[in-house]
Amino acid sequence: MAIQTPGTELHIHEGESVSELQSDPRWQLIERILHTAPFQKSAFLHTLLSYLAKCTISERLDTLAERQIGIAVFGKPAGYSPTEDSIVRVHIRQLRIRLHEYFALDGRAETLLVDIPKGSYLLEFKNAPTEPKPLSGEIPPSVASEKQIRRFPVRDVLLLVTAIAAAICAIGWYRARTAEKWEVPWPLNAVIQPGIQTKLVVSDGNTMMRLLGDRQITLDQYLQPSFRDSLVPPHPDSNVSRLLTYISHSQLTSFADAASVASLIRFSGPLSGQINLCSARDLNRRDLEHGNFVFIGSPTSNPWVSLFVDRLNFEVEEDGVGGKIYFRNKKPLTGEQDTYEGLVETGSTGIDYATLALLPSGDSQGNILIFQGLREEGTEALSILLSDTNNRASLARALGINDSSRKTPYFEALIRTRTVVGAPVSIDIVATRIIQR
């Protein structure tokens, strides 16, 4: 199913019907490319290639100017300056790379090729080169190779092939046995499991731009291609504009997220090949249908976490954009507080809070683990908690989990960490909840 970026409409030229487009071999090639994983996962690249293809095939050359592409594909305002905003050029470079990768892998058998010549946004379609026919008296390479092979005794060739196959089988067996024996510690074993892909979704530094727009970002707004532009004040200073362009085109995350990823990969051992790392910006809703997930960050830095807020007891709230941030205890138990307020700012000394939550992923068969700190110190404290045997044992006791229990319950835990100049120095478990499926 093709992805259509919200707010972007692509129309067929007046003289060209839908059936004509569908029967065009060039468009059929584009549809095959759009259905591959890289284009299914990136709404921007999917919509950009679709737009360029329709404009090229219907010969709408006037719509292939950089400004027109920025408006039609990326939701830019009519008066935006392509000189100051390079979003089209950046994605064209990425698209050119993805097309080359397609024809080197999935599309290596294609008879029709498509490329984007440098300095142009008009797609170039051309037939794939065929192997040249040998001149009279010239021995084709395949025949020459076959004759060379025939010089070796058949027995030696068979022995060599058998030895290679045995080595491959031995390596595969060893890896499989190693993976089977590797024990991922609880509770990480609920999201790092043999034969199941795990995606680590780190926070997106672009969400900091909400401070400029002075408004919160919902997940639906975050998924809009123009969400970053909507947060930028009109007519910013040229230096500020360059900085914002750099931020919006970079994959920025926090040190705490990096520390959490390092811990998870270390504990995965031989299962690390099943772990994929991505920014919140590169995830889409269909990705959630399969596998296990680890979300790092609160809804203010990783908007995907907002999908699970209704299933959690401790919810991150903020008094105005950039204001006081705290956990709200939806249903306080005896001895618990209504709210838990953390550090005033990252890098300071004091008390911070974080929650660790393990949830079933809804309709799919996977599980979801959420690292959610009020500040970076809280998130980092969670990775320290999971890295220490005694801390994990304390968490299990707080949840009433027996070491011999085979079935891990879904849970939520609120932890407190004391920090000194931004570094967590102690960890306490404040409250826990068992979550019913």
Protein backbone atom coordinates (compact mmCIF):
# COMPACT_ATOMS: atom_id res chain seq x y z
CA MET A 1 0.00 0.00 0.00
CA ALA A 2 1.49 3.33 -0.99
CA ILE A 3 2.15 5.96 1.63
CA GLN A 4 0.64 9.39 1.05
CA THR A 5 2.18 12.09 3.19
CA PRO A 6 -0.60 14.09 4.93
CA GLY A 7 -1.29 17.38 3.22
CA THR A 8 0.37 16.37 -0.07
CA GLU A 9 -1.79 15.73 -3.12
CA LEU A 10 -0.36 14.40 -6.39
CA HIS A 11 -2.55 14.77 -9.46
CA ILE A 12 -2.19 13.23 -12.90
CA HIS A 13 -1.80 15.50 -15.89
CA GLU A 14 -5.09 16.43 -17.57
CA GLY A 15 -4.29 14.52 -20.74
CA GLU A 16 -3.28 11.36 -18.94
CA SER A 17 -5.71 8.91 -17.35
CA VAL A 18 -5.08 6.75 -14.33
CA SER A 19 -5.15 3.62 -16.49
CA GLU A 20 -2.51 5.10 -18.82
CA LEU A 21 -0.25 5.82 -15.90
CA GLN A 22 -0.76 2.34 -14.42
CA SER A 23 0.07 0.69 -17.76
CA ASP A 24 3.24 2.74 -18.28
CA PRO A 25 6.33 0.51 -17.68
CA ARG A 26 8.10 3.46 -16.07
CA TRP A 27 5.36 3.86 -13.45
CA GLN A 28 5.23 0.09 -12.89
CA LEU A 29 8.97 0.23 -12.09
CA ILE A 30 8.38 3.10 -9.65
CA GLU A 31 5.61 1.15 -7.89
CA ARG A 32 7.92 -1.84 -7.42
CA ILE A 33 10.53 0.44 -5.88
CA LEU A 34 7.97 2.15 -3.62
CA HIS A 35 6.93 -1.21 -2.17
CA THR A 36 10.43 -2.03 -0.90
CA ALA A 37 11.28 -1.60 2.78
CA PRO A 38 13.40 1.62 2.58
CA PHE A 39 10.53 3.49 0.88
CA GLN A 40 7.81 1.95 3.04
CA LYS A 41 9.63 3.19 6.14
CA SER A 42 10.28 6.75 4.93
CA ALA A 43 7.18 8.76 4.05
CA PHE A 44 9.34 11.61 2.73
CA LEU A 45 11.31 9.48 0.25
CA HIS A 46 8.16 7.59 -0.76
CA THR A 47 6.24 10.77 -1.56
CA LEU A 48 9.24 12.48 -3.16
CA LEU A 49 9.89 9.62 -5.63
CA SER A 50 6.18 9.30 -6.42
CA TYR A 51 5.92 13.05 -7.09
CA LEU A 52 9.04 13.18 -9.29
CA ALA A 53 7.90 10.13 -11.26
CA LYS A 54 4.39 11.45 -11.96
CA CYS A 55 5.75 14.85 -12.98
CA THR A 56 8.38 13.25 -15.24
CA ILE A 57 6.06 10.73 -16.91
CA SER A 58 3.33 13.34 -17.51
CA GLU A 59 5.99 15.86 -18.67
CA ARG A 60 5.04 18.52 -16.11
CA LEU A 61 8.50 20.07 -16.15
CA ASP A 62 7.26 23.30 -14.56
CA THR A 63 6.49 21.40 -11.34
CA LEU A 64 10.04 20.05 -10.98
CA ALA A 65 11.60 23.27 -9.72
CA GLU A 66 13.11 23.03 -6.23
CA ARG A 67 10.62 25.51 -4.74
CA GLN A 68 7.64 23.62 -6.22
CA ILE A 69 8.94 20.32 -4.82
CA GLY A 70 9.44 21.87 -1.38
CA ILE A 71 5.85 23.15 -1.36
CA ALA A 72 4.20 20.02 -2.81
CA VAL A 73 6.19 17.31 -1.01
CA PHE A 74 7.46 18.87 2.21
CA GLY A 75 4.61 21.27 2.98
CA LYS A 76 6.77 24.41 2.73
CA PRO A 77 5.02 27.80 2.57
CA ALA A 78 4.71 29.43 -0.85
CA GLY A 79 7.32 32.09 -0.09
CA TYR A 80 10.03 29.89 1.39
CA SER A 81 13.63 30.28 0.19
CA PRO A 82 15.33 27.11 -1.20
CA THR A 83 18.65 28.90 -0.79
CA GLU A 84 18.23 29.01 3.00
CA ASP A 85 16.34 25.72 3.34
CA SER A 86 18.09 22.74 1.74
CA ILE A 87 15.49 20.07 2.64
CA VAL A 88 14.79 19.21 -1.03
CA ARG A 89 18.49 18.83 -1.94
CA VAL A 90 19.17 16.74 1.17
CA HIS A 91 16.35 14.29 0.40
CA ILE A 92 17.23 14.15 -3.30
CA ARG A 93 20.73 12.97 -2.31
CA GLN A 94 19.20 10.33 -0.04
CA LEU A 95 16.78 9.28 -2.79
CA ARG A 96 19.61 8.92 -5.31
CA ILE A 97 21.44 6.62 -2.88
CA ARG A 98 18.33 4.51 -2.22
CA LEU A 99 17.74 4.08 -5.97
CA HIS A 100 21.30 2.87 -6.47
CA GLU A 101 20.86 0.43 -3.56
CA TYR A 102 17.61 -0.87 -5.08
CA PHE A 103 19.20 -1.74 -8.43
CA ALA A 104 22.18 -3.31 -6.67
CA LEU A 105 19.95 -5.57 -4.51
CA ASP A 106 16.18 -6.06 -4.94
CA GLY A 107 16.10 -4.65 -8.45
CA ARG A 108 19.23 -6.20 -9.92
CA ALA A 109 17.08 -8.14 -12.42
CA GLU A 110 15.21 -5.05 -13.64
CA THR A 111 15.42 -4.38 -17.38
CA LEU A 112 14.49 -0.71 -16.94
CA LEU A 113 16.52 1.64 -14.74
CA VAL A 114 15.75 5.04 -13.22
CA ASP A 115 18.16 7.64 -11.89
CA ILE A 116 18.28 11.32 -10.92
CA PRO A 117 21.06 13.04 -12.85
CA LYS A 118 23.02 15.50 -10.72
CA GLY A 119 21.81 19.07 -11.12
CA SER A 120 18.32 17.96 -12.18
CA TYR A 121 15.07 16.83 -10.58
CA LEU A 122 13.82 15.17 -13.78
CA LEU A 123 13.98 11.38 -13.54
CA GLU A 124 15.98 9.59 -16.21
CA PHE A 125 14.64 6.20 -17.36
CA LYS A 126 16.87 3.95 -19.45
CA ASN A 127 17.18 0.29 -20.39
CA ALA A 128 19.54 -1.84 -18.33
CA PRO A 129 22.76 -2.71 -20.21
CA THR A 130 22.89 -6.20 -21.67
CA GLU A 131 25.94 -8.45 -21.82
CA PRO A 132 27.82 -7.79 -25.10
CA LYS A 133 27.80 -10.61 -27.61
CA PRO A 134 31.26 -12.10 -28.26
CA LEU A 135 32.99 -11.30 -31.55
CA SER A 136 33.46 -14.06 -34.10
CA GLY A 137 36.05 -16.48 -32.80
CA GLU A 138 36.01 -14.99 -29.29
CA ILE A 139 35.20 -17.37 -26.44
CA PRO A 140 32.43 -16.04 -24.16
CA PRO A 141 33.60 -15.46 -20.55
CA SER A 142 31.16 -18.05 -19.21
CA VAL A 143 32.47 -20.69 -21.61
CA ALA A 144 36.09 -19.80 -20.83
CA SER A 145 35.40 -20.10 -17.09
CA GLU A 146 33.72 -23.44 -17.64
CA LYS A 147 36.74 -24.75 -19.55
CA GLN A 148 39.05 -23.60 -16.77
CA ILE A 149 36.97 -25.42 -14.18
CA ARG A 150 37.06 -28.59 -16.23
CA ARG A 151 40.85 -28.68 -15.90
CA PHE A 152 40.41 -29.65 -12.22
CA PRO A 153 39.47 -33.25 -11.39
CA VAL A 154 35.78 -33.52 -10.56
CA ARG A 155 36.67 -35.30 -7.30
CA ASP A 156 38.75 -32.31 -6.08
CA VAL A 157 35.98 -29.87 -6.91
CA LEU A 158 33.44 -31.96 -5.00
CA LEU A 159 35.76 -32.21 -1.99
CA LEU A 160 36.25 -28.43 -1.99
CA VAL A 161 32.52 -27.76 -2.20
CA THR A 162 31.84 -30.27 0.58
CA ALA A 163 34.47 -28.67 2.82
CA ILE A 164 33.05 -25.18 2.29
CA ALA A 165 29.49 -26.38 2.98
CA ALA A 166 30.64 -28.16 6.16
CA ALA A 167 32.40 -25.01 7.38
CA ILE A 168 29.31 -22.89 6.75
CA CYS A 169 27.11 -25.39 8.59
CA ALA A 170 29.55 -25.53 11.52
CA ILE A 171 29.61 -21.73 11.85
CA GLY A 172 25.80 -21.56 11.66
CA TRP A 173 25.44 -24.35 14.23
CA TYR A 174 27.90 -22.67 16.61
CA ARG A 175 26.11 -19.32 16.37
CA ALA A 176 22.72 -20.93 16.88
CA ARG A 177 23.92 -22.90 19.92
CA THR A 178 25.59 -19.81 21.39
CA ALA A 179 22.40 -17.77 20.94
CA GLU A 180 20.30 -20.53 22.52
CA LYS A 181 22.54 -20.72 25.61
CA TRP A 182 22.89 -16.95 26.03
CA GLU A 183 20.79 -15.74 28.94
CA VAL A 184 19.55 -12.17 28.70
CA PRO A 185 18.88 -10.88 32.25
CA TRP A 186 15.37 -10.08 33.43
CA PRO A 187 13.48 -7.92 32.51
CA LEU A 188 15.39 -7.37 29.26
CA ASN A 189 14.67 -10.98 28.28
CA ALA A 190 11.09 -9.90 27.60
CA VAL A 191 12.22 -7.68 24.69
CA ILE A 192 15.47 -9.37 23.61
CA GLN A 193 14.55 -12.87 22.50
CA PRO A 194 15.95 -15.40 20.00
CA GLY A 195 14.34 -15.17 16.58
CA ILE A 196 12.51 -11.88 17.23
CA GLN A 197 13.61 -8.48 15.97
CA THR A 198 13.97 -5.72 18.57
CA LYS A 199 13.88 -2.06 17.60
CA LEU A 200 15.48 0.54 19.90
CA VAL A 201 13.76 3.90 19.33
CA VAL A 202 15.77 6.81 20.74
CA SER A 203 14.52 10.35 21.33
CA ASP A 204 14.63 12.97 18.59
CA GLY A 205 16.58 16.19 19.22
CA ASN A 206 14.21 18.02 16.85
CA THR A 207 11.56 18.03 19.57
CA MET A 208 13.62 20.71 21.35
CA MET A 209 12.34 23.12 18.71
CA ARG A 210 9.00 23.14 20.55
CA LEU A 211 10.69 25.67 22.87
CA LEU A 212 10.84 28.08 19.91
CA GLY A 213 7.23 27.50 18.96
CA ASP A 214 6.16 27.62 22.63
CA ARG A 215 3.76 24.71 22.22
CA GLN A 216 3.57 21.01 22.89
CA ILE A 217 3.83 18.47 20.08
CA THR A 218 1.32 15.66 19.69
CA LEU A 219 2.26 12.47 17.85
CA ASP A 220 -0.02 13.38 14.93
CA GLN A 221 1.66 16.79 14.63
CA TYR A 222 5.09 15.18 14.91
CA LEU A 223 4.33 12.88 11.96
CA GLN A 224 3.44 15.83 9.72
CA PRO A 225 6.30 16.65 7.30
CA SER A 226 6.03 20.35 8.19
CA PHE A 227 6.08 19.99 11.99
CA ARG A 228 9.58 21.47 12.38
CA ASP A 229 8.79 24.47 10.18
CA SER A 230 5.60 25.14 12.14
CA LEU A 231 7.67 25.61 15.31
CA VAL A 232 10.10 28.16 13.87
CA PRO A 233 9.23 31.86 14.41
CA PRO A 234 8.79 33.85 11.17
CA HIS A 235 11.85 35.62 9.75
CA PRO A 236 14.54 34.25 12.10
CA ASP A 237 18.06 35.70 12.09
CA SER A 238 20.24 34.14 9.36
CA ASN A 239 22.54 32.49 11.91
CA VAL A 240 19.56 31.09 13.80
CA SER A 241 18.09 29.87 10.52
CA ARG A 242 21.29 27.99 9.64
CA LEU A 243 21.39 26.45 13.11
CA LEU A 244 17.77 25.29 12.85
CA THR A 245 18.41 23.83 9.41
CA TYR A 246 21.38 21.88 10.79
CA ILE A 247 19.33 20.59 13.74
CA SER A 248 16.37 19.58 11.58
CA HIS A 249 18.59 17.59 9.19
CA SER A 250 20.66 15.87 11.90
CA GLN A 251 20.03 12.74 13.95
CA LEU A 252 20.49 14.20 17.43
CA THR A 253 19.78 12.36 20.66
CA SER A 254 20.97 12.51 24.29
CA PHE A 255 23.90 10.95 26.15
CA ALA A 256 21.40 9.12 28.37
CA ASP A 257 19.83 7.50 25.30
CA ALA A 258 23.26 6.45 24.05
CA ALA A 259 24.10 4.94 27.45
CA SER A 260 20.83 3.00 27.47
CA VAL A 261 21.45 1.64 23.96
CA ALA A 262 24.98 0.56 24.92
CA SER A 263 23.65 -1.38 27.94
CA LEU A 264 20.95 -3.11 25.90
CA ILE A 265 23.36 -4.18 23.17
CA ARG A 266 25.90 -5.42 25.73
CA PHE A 267 23.32 -7.64 27.42
CA SER A 268 22.02 -8.96 24.10
CA GLY A 269 25.34 -10.74 23.39
CA PRO A 270 25.04 -12.98 20.29
CA LEU A 271 21.46 -11.74 19.85
CA SER A 272 22.71 -8.22 19.03
CA GLY A 273 22.25 -8.96 15.33
CA GLN A 274 18.49 -8.91 15.92
CA ILE A 275 18.59 -5.36 17.32
CA ASN A 276 17.89 -2.37 15.09
CA LEU A 277 18.49 1.21 16.23
CA CYS A 278 16.43 4.10 14.90
CA SER A 279 15.43 7.64 15.77
CA ALA A 280 11.83 8.41 16.68
CA ARG A 281 11.74 10.43 13.45
CA ASP A 282 12.31 7.34 11.27
CA LEU A 283 9.60 5.15 12.81
CA ASN A 284 6.15 4.73 11.29
CA ARG A 285 2.96 3.17 12.61
CA ARG A 286 3.25 0.01 10.52
CA ASP A 287 6.59 -0.78 12.17
CA LEU A 288 4.69 -1.40 15.42
CA GLU A 289 2.90 -4.40 13.96
CA HIS A 290 5.84 -6.78 14.39
CA GLY A 291 8.61 -7.49 16.89
CA ASN A 292 9.69 -6.07 20.24
CA PHE A 293 10.35 -2.39 20.95
CA VAL A 294 12.31 -0.31 23.43
CA PHE A 295 11.27 3.35 23.55
CA ILE A 296 13.70 5.74 25.24
CA GLY A 297 12.44 9.15 26.36
CA SER A 298 9.22 10.80 27.52
CA PRO A 299 6.50 12.12 25.16
CA THR A 300 8.26 15.51 25.06
CA SER A 301 11.36 13.98 23.46
CA ASN A 302 9.96 10.76 21.96
CA PRO A 303 6.34 11.41 20.90
CA TRP A 304 5.74 7.69 20.25
CA VAL A 305 5.60 7.13 24.03
CA SER A 306 2.30 9.05 24.09
CA LEU A 307 0.66 5.99 22.48
CA PHE A 308 1.04 4.12 25.79
CA VAL A 309 0.23 6.87 28.33
CA ASP A 310 -3.31 5.56 28.91
CA ARG A 311 -1.88 2.19 30.03
CA LEU A 312 0.51 3.71 32.57
CA ASN A 313 -0.13 5.05 36.07
CA PHE A 314 2.74 7.56 36.17
CA GLU A 315 2.40 10.21 33.48
CA VAL A 316 4.90 12.93 32.59
CA GLU A 317 3.37 16.41 32.74
CA GLU A 318 4.82 19.84 32.10
CA ASP A 319 3.69 23.24 33.40
CA GLY A 320 3.93 25.09 30.13
CA VAL A 321 6.50 24.47 27.41
CA GLY A 322 9.92 24.27 29.07
CA GLY A 323 8.40 24.73 32.52
CA LYS A 324 8.35 22.52 35.60
CA ILE A 325 8.24 18.83 34.68
CA TYR A 326 7.01 16.04 36.94
CA PHE A 327 5.30 12.64 37.13
CA ARG A 328 1.61 12.67 37.97
CA ASN A 329 0.45 9.69 40.04
CA LYS A 330 -2.96 8.92 38.55
CA LYS A 331 -4.06 6.59 41.36
CA PRO A 332 -1.90 7.13 44.47
CA LEU A 333 -1.66 4.25 46.93
CA THR A 334 -1.13 4.64 50.67
CA GLY A 335 2.11 6.49 51.37
CA GLU A 336 2.56 7.68 47.78
CA GLN A 337 2.65 11.27 46.57
CA ASP A 338 0.31 12.79 44.01
CA THR A 339 3.26 14.17 42.03
CA TYR A 340 7.00 13.56 41.80
CA GLU A 341 9.02 16.56 40.63
CA GLY A 342 12.55 16.14 39.34
CA LEU A 343 15.53 18.35 38.57
CA VAL A 344 15.00 21.94 37.48
CA GLU A 345 17.39 21.41 34.60
CA THR A 346 19.71 18.77 33.18
CA GLY A 347 23.22 18.83 34.61
CA SER A 348 22.25 20.07 38.08
CA THR A 349 22.49 18.45 41.52
CA GLY A 350 19.40 17.07 43.26
CA ILE A 351 16.72 14.42 42.87
CA ASP A 352 15.31 13.16 39.59
CA TYR A 353 12.71 10.51 38.76
CA ALA A 354 12.15 8.00 35.98
CA THR A 355 9.84 5.11 35.14
CA LEU A 356 10.56 1.73 33.61
CA ALA A 357 7.52 0.03 32.06
CA LEU A 358 7.09 -3.37 30.39
CA LEU A 359 3.92 -3.70 28.30
CA PRO A 360 2.41 -6.07 25.76
CA SER A 361 2.40 -4.44 22.35
CA GLY A 362 -1.34 -4.67 21.78
CA ASP A 363 -2.43 -6.67 18.75
CA SER A 364 1.03 -8.04 17.91
CA GLN A 365 2.85 -10.80 19.79
CA GLY A 366 5.77 -8.63 20.91
CA ASN A 367 6.56 -6.64 24.05
CA ILE A 368 7.42 -3.00 24.71
CA LEU A 369 9.89 -1.61 27.24
CA ILE A 370 9.78 2.13 27.99
CA PHE A 371 12.63 4.15 29.57
CA GLN A 372 11.11 7.45 30.67
CA GLY A 373 13.12 9.99 32.67
CA LEU A 374 12.09 13.50 33.63
CA ARG A 375 15.62 14.62 32.76
CA GLU A 376 18.58 12.84 31.17
CA GLU A 377 19.82 11.85 34.64
CA GLY A 378 16.65 9.84 35.28
CA THR A 379 16.92 8.00 31.98
CA GLU A 380 20.59 7.25 32.57
CA ALA A 381 19.74 5.91 36.07
CA LEU A 382 17.46 3.32 34.44
CA SER A 383 20.32 1.95 32.35
CA ILE A 384 22.44 1.76 35.51
CA LEU A 385 19.64 -0.06 37.35
CA LEU A 386 19.33 -2.70 34.65
CA SER A 387 23.11 -3.12 34.42
CA ASP A 388 23.48 -4.12 38.09
CA THR A 389 22.50 -7.55 39.42
CA ASN A 390 21.58 -6.24 42.89
CA ASN A 391 19.44 -3.45 41.46
CA ARG A 392 17.57 -5.91 39.24
CA ALA A 393 17.00 -8.16 42.25
CA SER A 394 15.62 -5.20 44.24
CA LEU A 395 13.22 -4.40 41.41
CA ALA A 396 12.06 -8.03 41.25
CA ARG A 397 11.42 -8.06 45.01
CA ALA A 398 9.50 -4.79 44.84
CA LEU A 399 7.27 -6.34 42.17
CA GLY A 400 6.88 -9.57 44.12
CA ILE A 401 8.53 -11.62 41.39
CA ASN A 402 9.91 -14.99 42.49
CA ASP A 403 13.30 -15.90 41.02
CA SER A 404 11.84 -19.25 39.94
CA SER A 405 8.87 -17.62 38.21
CA ARG A 406 8.81 -18.52 34.53
CA LYS A 407 6.28 -15.91 33.48
CA THR A 408 7.33 -12.30 33.81
CA PRO A 409 4.42 -9.98 34.62
CA TYR A 410 4.00 -6.67 32.87
CA PHE A 411 4.84 -3.84 35.22
CA GLU A 412 5.63 -0.18 35.81
CA ALA A 413 8.22 1.05 38.32
CA LEU A 414 8.93 4.59 39.51
CA ILE A 415 12.54 5.10 40.57
CA ARG A 416 14.33 8.00 42.28
CA THR A 417 17.95 8.91 41.68
CA ARG A 418 20.17 11.36 43.51
CA THR A 419 22.46 13.23 41.14
CA VAL A 420 25.61 15.27 41.60
CA VAL A 421 26.34 17.71 38.78
CA GLY A 422 24.37 15.62 36.31
CA ALA A 423 25.67 12.18 37.33
CA PRO A 424 23.37 9.61 39.04
CA VAL A 425 24.95 8.41 42.30
CA SER A 426 22.15 6.41 43.96
CA ILE A 427 18.94 4.67 42.91
CA ASP A 428 15.80 3.84 44.93
CA ILE A 429 12.57 2.15 43.87
CA VAL A 430 9.69 4.40 44.97
CA ALA A 431 6.56 2.67 43.66
CA THR A 432 5.51 -0.20 41.41
CA ARG A 433 2.42 -1.40 39.57
CA ILE A 434 1.56 -4.72 37.96
CA ILE A 435 -0.03 -4.15 34.54
CA GLN A 436 -2.75 -6.52 33.35
CA ARG A 437 -2.69 -7.55 29.71
